[in-house]
Amino acid sequence: MKAWRVAALGEPRDVLRLDDVADPEPGPGQLVVKVRACPANFPDVLMCRGEYQVKPQLPFTPGVELCGEVVALGEGVDGFTVGDRVLGGAALPSGGFAELAVLEAATTFPAPAALDDAEAASLYIGYQTGWFGLHRRAGLRAGETLLVHAAAGGVGSAAVQLGRAAGARVIGVVGGPEKAAVARALGADVVVDRHDEDFVEVVRAETGGRGADVVYDPVGGETYQRSTKCVAFEGRILVVGFAGGRIQSAALNHALVKNYSIVGLHWGLYHRYDPAAVGECHRALTALADQGAVRPLVSERLPLAGAAEWIQRLADGVTVGRVVYVS
């Protein structure tokens, strides 16, 4: 089969090679699937660079989430049959940027019929992260104000839709007019282009000085620091990631004086500590997809051949929505 592989660490366009490799075999508790769609995610970029907390043994195939058709079952796998259309997280080193990939049965779910392959592939990590963050960690309530950073990106776009579905008023922060149009199309009530406006001042103006009840921050660094200036009394700042490249430090005296919470979110830990909740989340997301309340924004559907270049575009921060390999 054809598969993109990383044999040395660096920027995606420099280290990804399209190779002919042997078809993978499922181990106990695993599935092999024919890949129908696989979106690029920032963890794919970080793994290419060797900067992610998960460091697969070289060589490996990136592609951390995907939609596929089951072609083989490993020992002890129940609940799936050959031909099922499924989604889930890849069992590295056999990731989704290939013709075939391996999934762990425990983290594989039926793909929602309401979504096409590219949309279904994009429902897993970003939307599960958003659901756990907004509902389990931040306790977002209808009528509250939700501030979403990087609102046109893969993780942020999911938070915009999930916030709207929960009845929140959503303020989305983006960089540039193209991304602003995307955030509006996703349903953000207010869109801030950070190149032209100060999101702190916009949030204060839009909330009558109260501030945002929940801040969804996958960027970190200066974005986090400025968010503390517009979080509401008893607000919650969700620390989702550090795509901006700098890990912030928190001034705990400021959190004390303003009575806000700093809430960490590591979605992957739910697989270890509360796996039943992951299934509950997938069922909730499937219901929202069936209702038309959420639909991953897929901006580009591309063939396998050009994956190195468009993963690099994600790394460079110039993609909008989800960029997805579709077979």
C-alpha atoms as a PDB file:
ATOM      1  CA  MET A   1       0.000   0.000   0.000  1.00  0.00           C
ATOM      2  CA  LYS A   2       0.965   3.687  -0.222  1.00  0.00           C
ATOM      3  CA  ALA A   3       1.663   5.530   3.025  1.00  0.00           C
ATOM      4  CA  TRP A   4       3.276   8.814   4.019  1.00  0.00           C
ATOM      5  CA  ARG A   5       6.050   8.111   6.513  1.00  0.00           C
ATOM      6  CA  VAL A   6       8.339  10.135   8.736  1.00  0.00           C
ATOM      7  CA  ALA A   7      11.828   8.644   9.007  1.00  0.00           C
ATOM      8  CA  ALA A   8      13.565  11.729  10.447  1.00  0.00           C
ATOM      9  CA  LEU A   9      12.189  14.688  12.391  1.00  0.00           C
ATOM     10  CA  GLY A  10      11.560  18.154  10.990  1.00  0.00           C
ATOM     11  CA  GLU A  11       9.050  20.234   9.084  1.00  0.00           C
ATOM     12  CA  PRO A  12       6.369  18.114   7.364  1.00  0.00           C
ATOM     13  CA  ARG A  13       7.334  19.020   3.791  1.00  0.00           C
ATOM     14  CA  ASP A  14      10.963  18.098   4.547  1.00  0.00           C
ATOM     15  CA  VAL A  15      10.480  14.778   6.314  1.00  0.00           C
ATOM     16  CA  LEU A  16       7.327  13.174   4.883  1.00  0.00           C
ATOM     17  CA  ARG A  17       7.885  10.597   2.137  1.00  0.00           C
ATOM     18  CA  LEU A  18       5.257   8.648   0.193  1.00  0.00           C
ATOM     19  CA  ASP A  19       6.424   5.015   0.396  1.00  0.00           C
ATOM     20  CA  ASP A  20       5.255   1.588  -0.674  1.00  0.00           C
ATOM     21  CA  VAL A  21       4.889  -0.452   2.518  1.00  0.00           C
ATOM     22  CA  ALA A  22       3.372  -3.752   3.584  1.00  0.00           C
ATOM     23  CA  ASP A  23      -0.313  -3.789   4.480  1.00  0.00           C
ATOM     24  CA  PRO A  24      -0.809  -3.567   8.272  1.00  0.00           C
ATOM     25  CA  GLU A  25      -2.172  -6.498  10.279  1.00  0.00           C
ATOM     26  CA  PRO A  26      -4.544  -5.998  13.232  1.00  0.00           C
ATOM     27  CA  GLY A  27      -3.286  -6.924  16.666  1.00  0.00           C
ATOM     28  CA  PRO A  28      -5.553  -8.051  19.513  1.00  0.00           C
ATOM     29  CA  GLY A  29      -8.326  -5.513  20.024  1.00  0.00           C
ATOM     30  CA  GLN A  30      -7.562  -3.723  16.772  1.00  0.00           C
ATOM     31  CA  LEU A  31      -9.182  -3.101  13.386  1.00  0.00           C
ATOM     32  CA  VAL A  32      -7.626  -2.509   9.995  1.00  0.00           C
ATOM     33  CA  VAL A  33      -9.606  -0.079   7.856  1.00  0.00           C
ATOM     34  CA  LYS A  34      -9.461   1.187   4.340  1.00  0.00           C
ATOM     35  CA  VAL A  35      -9.000   4.918   4.861  1.00  0.00           C
ATOM     36  CA  ARG A  36     -11.883   6.909   3.398  1.00  0.00           C
ATOM     37  CA  ALA A  37     -10.860  10.271   4.840  1.00  0.00           C
ATOM     38  CA  CYS A  38      -8.182  11.682   7.177  1.00  0.00           C
ATOM     39  CA  PRO A  39      -7.912  15.367   8.195  1.00  0.00           C
ATOM     40  CA  ALA A  40      -4.677  17.120   9.037  1.00  0.00           C
ATOM     41  CA  ASN A  41      -4.369  18.002  12.726  1.00  0.00           C
ATOM     42  CA  PHE A  42      -1.802  20.097  14.566  1.00  0.00           C
ATOM     43  CA  PRO A  43      -0.585  17.029  16.500  1.00  0.00           C
ATOM     44  CA  ASP A  44       0.460  15.591  13.121  1.00  0.00           C
ATOM     45  CA  VAL A  45       2.698  18.629  12.646  1.00  0.00           C
ATOM     46  CA  LEU A  46       4.123  18.372  16.157  1.00  0.00           C
ATOM     47  CA  MET A  47       4.850  14.650  15.739  1.00  0.00           C
ATOM     48  CA  CYS A  48       6.728  15.349  12.506  1.00  0.00           C
ATOM     49  CA  ARG A  49       8.852  17.838  14.463  1.00  0.00           C
ATOM     50  CA  GLY A  50       9.257  15.524  17.470  1.00  0.00           C
ATOM     51  CA  GLU A  51       7.520  18.088  19.707  1.00  0.00           C
ATOM     52  CA  TYR A  52       4.349  16.194  20.632  1.00  0.00           C
ATOM     53  CA  GLN A  53       3.857  14.300  23.912  1.00  0.00           C
ATOM     54  CA  VAL A  54       3.288  11.140  21.849  1.00  0.00           C
ATOM     55  CA  LYS A  55       6.512  10.228  20.052  1.00  0.00           C
ATOM     56  CA  PRO A  56       6.000   7.227  17.732  1.00  0.00           C
ATOM     57  CA  GLN A  57       9.027   5.134  16.875  1.00  0.00           C
ATOM     58  CA  LEU A  58      10.501   6.078  13.504  1.00  0.00           C
ATOM     59  CA  PRO A  59       9.408   5.525  10.809  1.00  0.00           C
ATOM     60  CA  PHE A  60       5.731   6.247  11.394  1.00  0.00           C
ATOM     61  CA  THR A  61       2.685   7.353   9.428  1.00  0.00           C
ATOM     62  CA  PRO A  62       0.900  10.428  10.859  1.00  0.00           C
ATOM     63  CA  GLY A  63      -2.846  11.015  10.672  1.00  0.00           C
ATOM     64  CA  VAL A  64      -4.340  10.860  14.147  1.00  0.00           C
ATOM     65  CA  GLU A  65      -8.059  10.651  13.269  1.00  0.00           C
ATOM     66  CA  LEU A  66      -9.892   9.161  10.330  1.00  0.00           C
ATOM     67  CA  CYS A  67     -13.019   7.661   8.824  1.00  0.00           C
ATOM     68  CA  GLY A  68     -12.615   4.234   7.259  1.00  0.00           C
ATOM     69  CA  GLU A  69     -14.212   0.999   6.163  1.00  0.00           C
ATOM     70  CA  VAL A  70     -13.393  -2.066   8.243  1.00  0.00           C
ATOM     71  CA  VAL A  71     -11.425  -4.671   6.257  1.00  0.00           C
ATOM     72  CA  ALA A  72      -9.970  -6.882   9.033  1.00  0.00           C
ATOM     73  CA  LEU A  73     -10.643  -7.637  12.706  1.00  0.00           C
ATOM     74  CA  GLY A  74      -8.073  -8.519  15.337  1.00  0.00           C
ATOM     75  CA  GLU A  75      -8.478 -11.116  18.058  1.00  0.00           C
ATOM     76  CA  GLY A  76     -11.131 -10.258  20.647  1.00  0.00           C
ATOM     77  CA  VAL A  77     -12.864  -7.535  18.639  1.00  0.00           C
ATOM     78  CA  ASP A  78     -16.638  -7.520  19.092  1.00  0.00           C
ATOM     79  CA  GLY A  79     -19.282  -5.153  17.817  1.00  0.00           C
ATOM     80  CA  PHE A  80     -17.797  -4.547  14.377  1.00  0.00           C
ATOM     81  CA  THR A  81     -17.962  -6.402  11.083  1.00  0.00           C
ATOM     82  CA  VAL A  82     -16.073  -6.122   7.816  1.00  0.00           C
ATOM     83  CA  GLY A  83     -17.614  -3.337   5.755  1.00  0.00           C
ATOM     84  CA  ASP A  84     -18.643  -1.127   8.687  1.00  0.00           C
ATOM     85  CA  ARG A  85     -18.077   2.601   8.212  1.00  0.00           C
ATOM     86  CA  VAL A  86     -16.327   3.845  11.338  1.00  0.00           C
ATOM     87  CA  LEU A  87     -14.347   6.742  12.773  1.00  0.00           C
ATOM     88  CA  GLY A  88     -11.741   6.959  15.493  1.00  0.00           C
ATOM     89  CA  GLY A  89      -8.149   7.635  16.457  1.00  0.00           C
ATOM     90  CA  ALA A  90      -5.339   5.863  14.610  1.00  0.00           C
ATOM     91  CA  ALA A  91      -3.137   3.343  16.398  1.00  0.00           C
ATOM     92  CA  LEU A  92       0.269   4.764  15.538  1.00  0.00           C
ATOM     93  CA  PRO A  93       2.623   4.067  13.846  1.00  0.00           C
ATOM     94  CA  SER A  94      -0.106   3.086  11.335  1.00  0.00           C
ATOM     95  CA  GLY A  95      -1.794   6.472  10.977  1.00  0.00           C
ATOM     96  CA  GLY A  96      -4.385   7.741   8.546  1.00  0.00           C
ATOM     97  CA  PHE A  97      -2.259   9.264   5.781  1.00  0.00           C
ATOM     98  CA  ALA A  98      -2.184   5.943   3.985  1.00  0.00           C
ATOM     99  CA  GLU A  99      -4.426   3.621   2.033  1.00  0.00           C
ATOM    100  CA  LEU A 100      -4.913   1.400   5.112  1.00  0.00           C
ATOM    101  CA  ALA A 101      -4.690   2.256   8.813  1.00  0.00           C
ATOM    102  CA  VAL A 102      -5.053   0.591  12.215  1.00  0.00           C
ATOM    103  CA  LEU A 103      -7.621   1.593  14.855  1.00  0.00           C
ATOM    104  CA  GLU A 104      -8.070   0.464  18.438  1.00  0.00           C
ATOM    105  CA  ALA A 105     -11.523  -1.082  18.723  1.00  0.00           C
ATOM    106  CA  ALA A 106     -12.025   0.569  22.137  1.00  0.00           C
ATOM    107  CA  THR A 107     -11.776   4.038  20.579  1.00  0.00           C
ATOM    108  CA  THR A 108     -13.627   3.312  17.332  1.00  0.00           C
ATOM    109  CA  PHE A 109     -17.243   4.345  16.756  1.00  0.00           C
ATOM    110  CA  PRO A 110     -19.881   4.168  14.005  1.00  0.00           C
ATOM    111  CA  ALA A 111     -19.578   7.080  11.595  1.00  0.00           C
ATOM    112  CA  PRO A 112     -22.726   9.260  11.668  1.00  0.00           C
ATOM    113  CA  ALA A 113     -24.879   8.716   8.586  1.00  0.00           C
ATOM    114  CA  ALA A 114     -25.631  12.456   8.462  1.00  0.00           C
ATOM    115  CA  LEU A 115     -21.975  13.268   7.682  1.00  0.00           C
ATOM    116  CA  ASP A 116     -19.921  12.435   4.612  1.00  0.00           C
ATOM    117  CA  ASP A 117     -16.536  10.746   4.992  1.00  0.00           C
ATOM    118  CA  ALA A 118     -14.491  13.940   5.311  1.00  0.00           C
ATOM    119  CA  GLU A 119     -16.915  15.412   7.843  1.00  0.00           C
ATOM    120  CA  ALA A 120     -17.099  12.189   9.860  1.00  0.00           C
ATOM    121  CA  ALA A 121     -13.303  11.940   9.967  1.00  0.00           C
ATOM    122  CA  SER A 122     -13.213  15.482  11.397  1.00  0.00           C
ATOM    123  CA  LEU A 123     -15.770  14.819  14.139  1.00  0.00           C
ATOM    124  CA  TYR A 124     -13.522  12.890  16.496  1.00  0.00           C
ATOM    125  CA  ILE A 125     -10.700  14.848  18.140  1.00  0.00           C
ATOM    126  CA  GLY A 126     -11.810  18.460  17.744  1.00  0.00           C
ATOM    127  CA  TYR A 127     -15.454  17.888  18.592  1.00  0.00           C
ATOM    128  CA  GLN A 128     -14.781  15.488  21.449  1.00  0.00           C
ATOM    129  CA  THR A 129     -12.289  18.001  22.841  1.00  0.00           C
ATOM    130  CA  GLY A 130     -14.871  20.754  22.539  1.00  0.00           C
ATOM    131  CA  TRP A 131     -17.661  18.696  24.086  1.00  0.00           C
ATOM    132  CA  PHE A 132     -15.596  17.640  27.105  1.00  0.00           C
ATOM    133  CA  GLY A 133     -14.144  21.109  27.484  1.00  0.00           C
ATOM    134  CA  LEU A 134     -17.364  23.070  27.284  1.00  0.00           C
ATOM    135  CA  HIS A 135     -19.649  20.630  29.098  1.00  0.00           C
ATOM    136  CA  ARG A 136     -17.556  18.503  31.468  1.00  0.00           C
ATOM    137  CA  ARG A 137     -14.827  20.987  32.381  1.00  0.00           C
ATOM    138  CA  ALA A 138     -16.317  24.462  31.989  1.00  0.00           C
ATOM    139  CA  GLY A 139     -20.022  23.701  32.594  1.00  0.00           C
ATOM    140  CA  LEU A 140     -21.145  26.064  29.836  1.00  0.00           C
ATOM    141  CA  ARG A 141     -24.759  27.171  30.313  1.00  0.00           C
ATOM    142  CA  ALA A 142     -27.332  28.554  27.900  1.00  0.00           C
ATOM    143  CA  GLY A 143     -27.222  32.345  27.809  1.00  0.00           C
ATOM    144  CA  GLU A 144     -23.554  32.594  28.780  1.00  0.00           C
ATOM    145  CA  THR A 145     -20.919  34.278  26.617  1.00  0.00           C
ATOM    146  CA  LEU A 146     -18.266  31.998  25.103  1.00  0.00           C
ATOM    147  CA  LEU A 147     -15.047  33.472  23.700  1.00  0.00           C
ATOM    148  CA  VAL A 148     -13.339  31.138  21.196  1.00  0.00           C
ATOM    149  CA  HIS A 149      -9.808  31.783  19.979  1.00  0.00           C
ATOM    150  CA  ALA A 150      -8.663  30.489  16.572  1.00  0.00           C
ATOM    151  CA  ALA A 151     -12.356  30.182  15.758  1.00  0.00           C
ATOM    152  CA  ALA A 152     -11.801  29.211  12.115  1.00  0.00           C
ATOM    153  CA  GLY A 153      -9.356  26.395  12.907  1.00  0.00           C
ATOM    154  CA  GLY A 154     -10.099  22.732  13.418  1.00  0.00           C
ATOM    155  CA  VAL A 155     -10.469  22.864  17.200  1.00  0.00           C
ATOM    156  CA  GLY A 156     -11.914  26.370  17.425  1.00  0.00           C
ATOM    157  CA  SER A 157     -14.526  25.810  14.717  1.00  0.00           C
ATOM    158  CA  ALA A 158     -15.864  22.833  16.670  1.00  0.00           C
ATOM    159  CA  ALA A 159     -16.120  24.949  19.824  1.00  0.00           C
ATOM    160  CA  VAL A 160     -18.079  27.639  17.946  1.00  0.00           C
ATOM    161  CA  GLN A 161     -20.686  25.131  16.757  1.00  0.00           C
ATOM    162  CA  LEU A 162     -20.892  23.330  20.082  1.00  0.00           C
ATOM    163  CA  GLY A 163     -21.247  26.610  21.945  1.00  0.00           C
ATOM    164  CA  ARG A 164     -24.092  27.667  19.681  1.00  0.00           C
ATOM    165  CA  ALA A 165     -25.758  24.272  20.118  1.00  0.00           C
ATOM    166  CA  ALA A 166     -25.564  24.750  23.898  1.00  0.00           C
ATOM    167  CA  GLY A 167     -27.352  28.096  23.687  1.00  0.00           C
ATOM    168  CA  ALA A 168     -24.329  30.297  24.394  1.00  0.00           C
ATOM    169  CA  ARG A 169     -23.536  33.624  22.723  1.00  0.00           C
ATOM    170  CA  VAL A 170     -20.292  33.027  20.841  1.00  0.00           C
ATOM    171  CA  ILE A 171     -17.538  35.561  20.159  1.00  0.00           C
ATOM    172  CA  GLY A 172     -14.945  34.155  17.759  1.00  0.00           C
ATOM    173  CA  VAL A 173     -11.410  35.517  17.340  1.00  0.00           C
ATOM    174  CA  VAL A 174      -9.630  34.926  14.032  1.00  0.00           C
ATOM    175  CA  GLY A 175      -6.724  36.256  11.999  1.00  0.00           C
ATOM    176  CA  GLY A 176      -7.742  37.776   8.670  1.00  0.00           C
ATOM    177  CA  PRO A 177     -10.893  38.461   6.642  1.00  0.00           C
ATOM    178  CA  GLU A 178     -11.096  34.987   5.078  1.00  0.00           C
ATOM    179  CA  LYS A 179     -11.105  33.356   8.490  1.00  0.00           C
ATOM    180  CA  ALA A 180     -13.605  35.938   9.739  1.00  0.00           C
ATOM    181  CA  ALA A 181     -16.027  34.880   6.998  1.00  0.00           C
ATOM    182  CA  VAL A 182     -15.591  31.250   8.049  1.00  0.00           C
ATOM    183  CA  ALA A 183     -16.331  32.020  11.706  1.00  0.00           C
ATOM    184  CA  ARG A 184     -19.507  33.849  10.712  1.00  0.00           C
ATOM    185  CA  ALA A 185     -20.594  30.919   8.562  1.00  0.00           C
ATOM    186  CA  LEU A 186     -20.045  28.611  11.537  1.00  0.00           C
ATOM    187  CA  GLY A 187     -22.526  30.662  13.543  1.00  0.00           C
ATOM    188  CA  ALA A 188     -20.389  32.962  15.708  1.00  0.00           C
ATOM    189  CA  ASP A 189     -22.538  35.851  16.918  1.00  0.00           C
ATOM    190  CA  VAL A 190     -19.605  38.262  16.951  1.00  0.00           C
ATOM    191  CA  VAL A 191     -16.349  37.866  15.010  1.00  0.00           C
ATOM    192  CA  VAL A 192     -13.125  39.689  15.896  1.00  0.00           C
ATOM    193  CA  ASP A 193     -10.275  39.946  13.392  1.00  0.00           C
ATOM    194  CA  ARG A 194      -7.318  40.242  15.757  1.00  0.00           C
ATOM    195  CA  HIS A 195      -5.315  42.050  13.041  1.00  0.00           C
ATOM    196  CA  ASP A 196      -7.771  44.950  13.136  1.00  0.00           C
ATOM    197  CA  GLU A 197      -9.406  44.868  16.574  1.00  0.00           C
ATOM    198  CA  ASP A 198      -8.511  44.251  20.212  1.00  0.00           C
ATOM    199  CA  PHE A 199     -10.586  41.263  21.319  1.00  0.00           C
ATOM    200  CA  VAL A 200     -10.392  42.411  24.943  1.00  0.00           C
ATOM    201  CA  GLU A 201     -12.159  45.653  24.138  1.00  0.00           C
ATOM    202  CA  VAL A 202     -14.721  43.930  21.895  1.00  0.00           C
ATOM    203  CA  VAL A 203     -15.605  41.390  24.615  1.00  0.00           C
ATOM    204  CA  ARG A 204     -16.000  44.115  27.202  1.00  0.00           C
ATOM    205  CA  ALA A 205     -18.201  46.154  24.874  1.00  0.00           C
ATOM    206  CA  GLU A 206     -20.346  43.187  23.839  1.00  0.00           C
ATOM    207  CA  THR A 207     -20.943  42.094  27.447  1.00  0.00           C
ATOM    208  CA  GLY A 208     -21.507  45.485  29.023  1.00  0.00           C
ATOM    209  CA  GLY A 209     -18.183  45.213  30.825  1.00  0.00           C
ATOM    210  CA  ARG A 210     -18.928  41.837  32.394  1.00  0.00           C
ATOM    211  CA  GLY A 211     -16.575  39.752  30.242  1.00  0.00           C
ATOM    212  CA  ALA A 212     -16.736  36.245  28.800  1.00  0.00           C
ATOM    213  CA  ASP A 213     -18.089  33.480  31.025  1.00  0.00           C
ATOM    214  CA  VAL A 214     -16.002  30.840  29.252  1.00  0.00           C
ATOM    215  CA  VAL A 215     -12.795  31.323  27.242  1.00  0.00           C
ATOM    216  CA  TYR A 216     -11.801  28.484  24.898  1.00  0.00           C
ATOM    217  CA  ASP A 217      -8.070  28.886  24.279  1.00  0.00           C
ATOM    218  CA  PRO A 218      -6.133  26.504  22.006  1.00  0.00           C
ATOM    219  CA  VAL A 219      -3.497  29.198  21.308  1.00  0.00           C
ATOM    220  CA  GLY A 220      -1.849  29.995  24.641  1.00  0.00           C
ATOM    221  CA  GLY A 221       0.939  32.487  25.262  1.00  0.00           C
ATOM    222  CA  GLU A 222      -0.056  36.139  24.895  1.00  0.00           C
ATOM    223  CA  THR A 223      -3.584  35.118  23.860  1.00  0.00           C
ATOM    224  CA  TYR A 224      -4.103  33.520  27.276  1.00  0.00           C
ATOM    225  CA  GLN A 225      -2.590  36.479  29.117  1.00  0.00           C
ATOM    226  CA  ARG A 226      -4.896  38.948  27.357  1.00  0.00           C
ATOM    227  CA  SER A 227      -7.910  36.688  27.919  1.00  0.00           C
ATOM    228  CA  THR A 228      -7.496  37.156  31.673  1.00  0.00           C
ATOM    229  CA  LYS A 229      -8.326  40.824  31.096  1.00  0.00           C
ATOM    230  CA  CYS A 230     -11.797  40.044  29.714  1.00  0.00           C
ATOM    231  CA  VAL A 231     -12.935  36.968  31.640  1.00  0.00           C
ATOM    232  CA  ALA A 232     -16.058  37.447  33.737  1.00  0.00           C
ATOM    233  CA  PHE A 233     -16.508  37.119  37.482  1.00  0.00           C
ATOM    234  CA  GLU A 234     -16.641  33.356  38.132  1.00  0.00           C
ATOM    235  CA  GLY A 235     -15.596  32.805  34.522  1.00  0.00           C
ATOM    236  CA  ARG A 236     -13.633  29.802  33.315  1.00  0.00           C
ATOM    237  CA  ILE A 237     -10.585  29.845  31.038  1.00  0.00           C
ATOM    238  CA  LEU A 238     -10.126  26.521  29.271  1.00  0.00           C
ATOM    239  CA  VAL A 239      -6.476  25.743  28.541  1.00  0.00           C
ATOM    240  CA  VAL A 240      -6.815  23.579  25.429  1.00  0.00           C
ATOM    241  CA  GLY A 241      -3.396  23.872  23.768  1.00  0.00           C
ATOM    242  CA  PHE A 242      -0.443  26.028  22.798  1.00  0.00           C
ATOM    243  CA  ALA A 243      -0.689  26.416  19.024  1.00  0.00           C
ATOM    244  CA  GLY A 244       0.835  29.889  19.339  1.00  0.00           C
ATOM    245  CA  GLY A 245       4.128  28.243  20.285  1.00  0.00           C
ATOM    246  CA  ARG A 246       4.556  29.593  23.816  1.00  0.00           C
ATOM    247  CA  ILE A 247       3.311  27.982  27.018  1.00  0.00           C
ATOM    248  CA  GLN A 248       1.948  30.665  29.295  1.00  0.00           C
ATOM    249  CA  SER A 249       2.339  30.985  33.030  1.00  0.00           C
ATOM    250  CA  ALA A 250      -0.674  31.808  35.175  1.00  0.00           C
ATOM    251  CA  ALA A 251      -0.705  34.665  37.694  1.00  0.00           C
ATOM    252  CA  LEU A 252      -2.690  32.962  40.433  1.00  0.00           C
ATOM    253  CA  ASN A 253      -3.087  36.169  42.411  1.00  0.00           C
ATOM    254  CA  HIS A 254      -4.995  37.573  39.424  1.00  0.00           C
ATOM    255  CA  ALA A 255      -7.289  34.526  39.352  1.00  0.00           C
ATOM    256  CA  LEU A 256      -7.919  35.044  43.057  1.00  0.00           C
ATOM    257  CA  VAL A 257      -8.685  38.759  42.767  1.00  0.00           C
ATOM    258  CA  LYS A 258     -11.058  38.313  39.794  1.00  0.00           C
ATOM    259  CA  ASN A 259     -12.632  35.035  40.972  1.00  0.00           C
ATOM    260  CA  TYR A 260     -12.093  33.059  37.761  1.00  0.00           C
ATOM    261  CA  SER A 261     -11.019  29.471  37.200  1.00  0.00           C
ATOM    262  CA  ILE A 262      -8.166  28.199  35.046  1.00  0.00           C
ATOM    263  CA  VAL A 263      -9.277  24.797  33.768  1.00  0.00           C
ATOM    264  CA  GLY A 264      -6.994  22.297  32.089  1.00  0.00           C
ATOM    265  CA  LEU A 265      -8.287  20.027  29.344  1.00  0.00           C
ATOM    266  CA  HIS A 266      -6.467  16.884  28.223  1.00  0.00           C
ATOM    267  CA  TRP A 267      -9.112  14.998  26.287  1.00  0.00           C
ATOM    268  CA  GLY A 268      -6.954  11.885  25.831  1.00  0.00           C
ATOM    269  CA  LEU A 269      -7.031  11.185  29.572  1.00  0.00           C
ATOM    270  CA  TYR A 270     -10.730  10.338  29.397  1.00  0.00           C
ATOM    271  CA  HIS A 271      -9.815   7.175  27.490  1.00  0.00           C
ATOM    272  CA  ARG A 272      -7.862   6.086  30.567  1.00  0.00           C
ATOM    273  CA  TYR A 273      -9.973   7.385  33.434  1.00  0.00           C
ATOM    274  CA  ASP A 274     -13.531   7.460  32.081  1.00  0.00           C
ATOM    275  CA  PRO A 275     -13.792   5.559  28.777  1.00  0.00           C
ATOM    276  CA  ALA A 276     -17.574   5.267  29.093  1.00  0.00           C
ATOM    277  CA  ALA A 277     -17.775   9.057  28.854  1.00  0.00           C
ATOM    278  CA  VAL A 278     -16.026   8.959  25.470  1.00  0.00           C
ATOM    279  CA  GLY A 279     -18.823   6.753  24.129  1.00  0.00           C
ATOM    280  CA  GLU A 280     -21.417   9.036  25.721  1.00  0.00           C
ATOM    281  CA  CYS A 281     -19.775  11.995  24.010  1.00  0.00           C
ATOM    282  CA  HIS A 282     -19.823  10.261  20.613  1.00  0.00           C
ATOM    283  CA  ARG A 283     -23.526   9.516  20.976  1.00  0.00           C
ATOM    284  CA  ALA A 284     -24.205  13.155  21.882  1.00  0.00           C
ATOM    285  CA  LEU A 285     -22.202  14.396  18.896  1.00  0.00           C
ATOM    286  CA  THR A 286     -23.965  11.956  16.565  1.00  0.00           C
ATOM    287  CA  ALA A 287     -27.331  13.268  17.774  1.00  0.00           C
ATOM    288  CA  LEU A 288     -26.203  16.859  17.170  1.00  0.00           C
ATOM    289  CA  ALA A 289     -25.006  15.908  13.677  1.00  0.00           C
ATOM    290  CA  ASP A 290     -28.338  14.212  12.961  1.00  0.00           C
ATOM    291  CA  GLN A 291     -30.127  17.407  14.028  1.00  0.00           C
ATOM    292  CA  GLY A 292     -27.883  19.548  11.818  1.00  0.00           C
ATOM    293  CA  ALA A 293     -26.553  21.418  14.872  1.00  0.00           C
ATOM    294  CA  VAL A 294     -22.922  20.499  14.147  1.00  0.00           C
ATOM    295  CA  ARG A 295     -21.182  19.816  10.861  1.00  0.00           C
ATOM    296  CA  PRO A 296     -17.382  19.950  10.574  1.00  0.00           C
ATOM    297  CA  LEU A 297     -16.289  22.637   8.164  1.00  0.00           C
ATOM    298  CA  VAL A 298     -14.224  20.902   5.477  1.00  0.00           C
ATOM    299  CA  SER A 299     -12.598  23.538   3.297  1.00  0.00           C
ATOM    300  CA  GLU A 300     -10.510  21.221   1.101  1.00  0.00           C
ATOM    301  CA  ARG A 301     -10.800  17.569   0.070  1.00  0.00           C
ATOM    302  CA  LEU A 302      -7.498  16.429  -1.401  1.00  0.00           C
ATOM    303  CA  PRO A 303      -5.859  13.235  -2.718  1.00  0.00           C
ATOM    304  CA  LEU A 304      -3.195  11.341  -0.790  1.00  0.00           C
ATOM    305  CA  ALA A 305      -0.432  12.385  -3.180  1.00  0.00           C
ATOM    306  CA  GLY A 306      -0.095  15.983  -1.950  1.00  0.00           C
ATOM    307  CA  ALA A 307      -0.357  15.412   1.789  1.00  0.00           C
ATOM    308  CA  ALA A 308       3.124  16.670   2.722  1.00  0.00           C
ATOM    309  CA  GLU A 309       2.461  20.109   1.260  1.00  0.00           C
ATOM    310  CA  TRP A 310      -0.954  20.676   2.785  1.00  0.00           C
ATOM    311  CA  ILE A 311       0.134  19.388   6.199  1.00  0.00           C
ATOM    312  CA  GLN A 312       2.876  22.011   5.932  1.00  0.00           C
ATOM    313  CA  ARG A 313       0.250  24.652   5.163  1.00  0.00           C
ATOM    314  CA  LEU A 314      -1.466  23.699   8.421  1.00  0.00           C
ATOM    315  CA  ALA A 315       1.897  24.032  10.180  1.00  0.00           C
ATOM    316  CA  ASP A 316       2.321  27.502   8.666  1.00  0.00           C
ATOM    317  CA  GLY A 317      -1.121  28.595   9.899  1.00  0.00           C
ATOM    318  CA  VAL A 318      -2.588  29.373   6.469  1.00  0.00           C
ATOM    319  CA  THR A 319      -5.367  26.771   6.296  1.00  0.00           C
ATOM    320  CA  VAL A 320      -9.034  27.526   6.994  1.00  0.00           C
ATOM    321  CA  GLY A 321     -11.414  24.912   8.385  1.00  0.00           C
ATOM    322  CA  ARG A 322     -10.420  21.291   7.906  1.00  0.00           C
ATOM    323  CA  VAL A 323      -8.109  20.083   5.146  1.00  0.00           C
ATOM    324  CA  VAL A 324      -8.829  16.394   4.546  1.00  0.00           C
ATOM    325  CA  TYR A 325      -7.320  13.552   2.529  1.00  0.00           C
ATOM    326  CA  VAL A 326     -10.185  11.722   0.821  1.00  0.00           C
ATOM    327  CA  SER A 327      -9.603   8.445  -0.978  1.00  0.00           C
END
